[in-house]
C-alpha cells in the first residue's frame, strides 16, 4: 500500500503546483466566485456569473 500512498501524494503535489501556475497565468477572473481562467468569456465556467473581468484592469 505504501507505493499507492506515495503515488497519491505525488499526484496531489503536482495538482497543487499546476493549479498555482494556472492562477498566475490566468487572464480573466470571475468577481463573484474568484475563479480564474484563460479565455475571454461572457459567463464564468464555474458559477455561471456574468461578472467576468480581465485581470490587470
N, C-alpha and C. Protein backbone atom coordinates (compact mmCIF):
# COMPACT_ATOMS: atom_id res chain seq x y z
N UNK A 1 0.81 -1.20 0.00
CA UNK A 1 0.00 0.00 0.00
C UNK A 1 0.85 1.26 0.00
N UNK A 2 2.08 1.17 0.48
CA UNK A 2 2.95 2.33 0.53
C UNK A 2 3.20 2.93 -0.84
N UNK A 3 3.30 2.07 -1.85
CA UNK A 3 3.53 2.54 -3.22
C UNK A 3 2.38 3.43 -3.68
N UNK A 4 1.14 3.00 -3.44
CA UNK A 4 -0.02 3.77 -3.87
C UNK A 4 -0.17 5.07 -3.07
N UNK A 5 0.18 5.04 -1.81
CA UNK A 5 0.13 6.25 -0.98
C UNK A 5 1.16 7.25 -1.50
N UNK A 6 2.37 6.79 -1.79
CA UNK A 6 3.41 7.68 -2.32
C UNK A 6 2.99 8.27 -3.66
N UNK A 7 2.42 7.43 -4.52
CA UNK A 7 1.96 7.91 -5.83
C UNK A 7 0.85 8.94 -5.65
N UNK A 8 -0.07 8.67 -4.75
CA UNK A 8 -1.16 9.62 -4.48
C UNK A 8 -0.63 10.95 -3.98
N UNK A 9 0.37 10.92 -3.11
CA UNK A 9 0.97 12.16 -2.60
C UNK A 9 1.64 12.94 -3.72
N UNK A 10 2.33 12.24 -4.60
CA UNK A 10 3.00 12.92 -5.72
C UNK A 10 1.98 13.53 -6.67
N UNK A 11 0.90 12.83 -6.94
CA UNK A 11 -0.15 13.35 -7.82
C UNK A 11 -0.77 14.60 -7.20
N UNK A 12 -1.04 14.57 -5.90
CA UNK A 12 -1.64 15.73 -5.23
C UNK A 12 -0.70 16.93 -5.26
N UNK A 13 0.58 16.73 -5.04
CA UNK A 13 1.55 17.83 -5.11
C UNK A 13 1.60 18.42 -6.52
N UNK A 14 1.58 17.54 -7.54
CA UNK A 14 1.58 18.01 -8.92
C UNK A 14 0.32 18.81 -9.21
N UNK A 15 -0.82 18.33 -8.74
CA UNK A 15 -2.09 19.04 -8.95
C UNK A 15 -2.04 20.43 -8.33
N UNK A 16 -1.55 20.53 -7.11
CA UNK A 16 -1.47 21.83 -6.44
C UNK A 16 -0.52 22.78 -7.16
N UNK A 17 0.62 22.27 -7.63
CA UNK A 17 1.57 23.10 -8.36
C UNK A 17 0.97 23.57 -9.68
N UNK A 18 0.23 22.70 -10.34
CA UNK A 18 -0.40 23.05 -11.62
C UNK A 18 -1.46 24.12 -11.42
N UNK A 19 -2.27 23.98 -10.39
CA UNK A 19 -3.30 24.99 -10.12
C UNK A 19 -2.69 26.34 -9.78
N UNK A 20 -1.61 26.35 -9.03
CA UNK A 20 -0.94 27.60 -8.67
C UNK A 20 -0.37 28.28 -9.92
N UNK A 21 0.23 27.49 -10.81
CA UNK A 21 0.79 28.05 -12.04
C UNK A 21 -0.32 28.58 -12.94
N UNK A 22 -1.43 27.88 -13.00
CA UNK A 22 -2.56 28.32 -13.83
C UNK A 22 -3.11 29.64 -13.31
N UNK A 23 -3.23 29.79 -12.00
CA UNK A 23 -3.73 31.04 -11.43
C UNK A 23 -2.79 32.20 -11.75
N UNK A 24 -1.50 31.96 -11.76
CA UNK A 24 -0.54 33.02 -12.06
C UNK A 24 -0.62 33.47 -13.51
N UNK A 25 -0.98 32.58 -14.41
CA UNK A 25 -1.01 32.88 -15.84
C UNK A 25 -2.40 33.24 -16.36
N UNK A 26 -3.42 33.16 -15.53
CA UNK A 26 -4.79 33.41 -15.97
C UNK A 26 -4.96 34.85 -16.45
N UNK A 27 -5.87 35.03 -17.40
CA UNK A 27 -6.08 36.37 -17.96
C UNK A 27 -7.42 36.97 -17.56
N UNK A 28 -8.33 36.17 -17.02
CA UNK A 28 -9.65 36.66 -16.64
C UNK A 28 -10.05 36.07 -15.28
N UNK A 29 -10.95 36.79 -14.59
CA UNK A 29 -11.40 36.33 -13.27
C UNK A 29 -12.88 36.64 -13.09
N UNK A 30 -13.57 35.74 -12.42
CA UNK A 30 -14.97 35.97 -12.05
C UNK A 30 -14.97 36.74 -10.74
N UNK A 31 -15.68 37.85 -10.71
CA UNK A 31 -15.72 38.65 -9.49
C UNK A 31 -16.63 38.04 -8.43
N UNK A 32 -17.53 37.15 -8.85
CA UNK A 32 -18.44 36.54 -7.88
C UNK A 32 -17.80 35.38 -7.12
N UNK A 33 -17.17 34.45 -7.84
CA UNK A 33 -16.63 33.26 -7.16
C UNK A 33 -15.11 33.23 -7.08
N UNK A 34 -14.42 34.12 -7.82
CA UNK A 34 -12.97 34.18 -7.76
C UNK A 34 -12.26 33.23 -8.71
N UNK A 35 -13.00 32.45 -9.49
CA UNK A 35 -12.39 31.52 -10.45
C UNK A 35 -11.57 32.31 -11.47
N UNK A 36 -10.37 31.80 -11.78
CA UNK A 36 -9.51 32.43 -12.78
C UNK A 36 -9.40 31.50 -13.97
N UNK A 37 -9.38 32.07 -15.18
CA UNK A 37 -9.31 31.26 -16.39
C UNK A 37 -8.66 32.05 -17.50
N UNK A 38 -8.41 31.38 -18.63
CA UNK A 38 -7.61 31.95 -19.71
C UNK A 38 -8.42 32.59 -20.83
N UNK A 39 -9.61 32.15 -21.06
CA UNK A 39 -10.38 32.62 -22.21
C UNK A 39 -11.27 33.80 -21.83
N UNK A 40 -11.48 34.70 -22.77
CA UNK A 40 -12.43 35.79 -22.58
C UNK A 40 -13.82 35.20 -22.74
N UNK A 41 -14.58 35.15 -21.68
CA UNK A 41 -15.91 34.57 -21.68
C UNK A 41 -16.91 35.59 -21.17
N UNK A 42 -18.16 35.45 -21.59
CA UNK A 42 -19.21 36.31 -21.09
C UNK A 42 -19.72 35.84 -19.74
N UNK A 43 -19.60 34.52 -19.48
CA UNK A 43 -20.03 33.97 -18.20
C UNK A 43 -18.93 33.09 -17.63
N UNK A 44 -18.92 32.97 -16.31
CA UNK A 44 -17.93 32.16 -15.61
C UNK A 44 -18.21 30.67 -15.84
N UNK A 45 -17.19 29.89 -16.20
CA UNK A 45 -17.41 28.46 -16.40
C UNK A 45 -17.66 27.71 -15.09
N UNK A 46 -17.35 28.33 -13.96
CA UNK A 46 -17.52 27.67 -12.66
C UNK A 46 -18.90 27.93 -12.07
N UNK A 47 -19.33 29.19 -12.03
CA UNK A 47 -20.58 29.52 -11.35
C UNK A 47 -21.67 30.09 -12.27
N UNK A 48 -21.31 30.45 -13.51
CA UNK A 48 -22.29 30.98 -14.46
C UNK A 48 -22.52 32.47 -14.35
N UNK A 49 -21.82 33.15 -13.47
CA UNK A 49 -21.98 34.60 -13.30
C UNK A 49 -21.53 35.34 -14.56
N UNK A 50 -22.14 36.48 -14.80
CA UNK A 50 -21.74 37.30 -15.93
C UNK A 50 -20.77 38.40 -15.51
N UNK A 51 -20.33 38.39 -14.26
CA UNK A 51 -19.39 39.40 -13.76
C UNK A 51 -17.95 38.92 -13.94
N UNK A 52 -17.52 38.84 -15.21
CA UNK A 52 -16.18 38.38 -15.57
C UNK A 52 -15.38 39.60 -16.01
N UNK A 53 -14.15 39.68 -15.52
CA UNK A 53 -13.31 40.83 -15.84
C UNK A 53 -11.91 40.37 -16.22
N UNK A 54 -11.27 41.08 -17.16
CA UNK A 54 -9.87 40.79 -17.45
C UNK A 54 -9.00 41.16 -16.26
N UNK A 55 -8.00 40.37 -15.97
CA UNK A 55 -7.08 40.68 -14.89
C UNK A 55 -6.16 41.81 -15.32
N UNK A 56 -5.74 42.62 -14.40
CA UNK A 56 -4.82 43.71 -14.70
C UNK A 56 -5.54 45.00 -15.01
N UNK A 57 -6.86 45.00 -14.93
CA UNK A 57 -7.62 46.24 -15.16
C UNK A 57 -8.22 46.74 -13.88
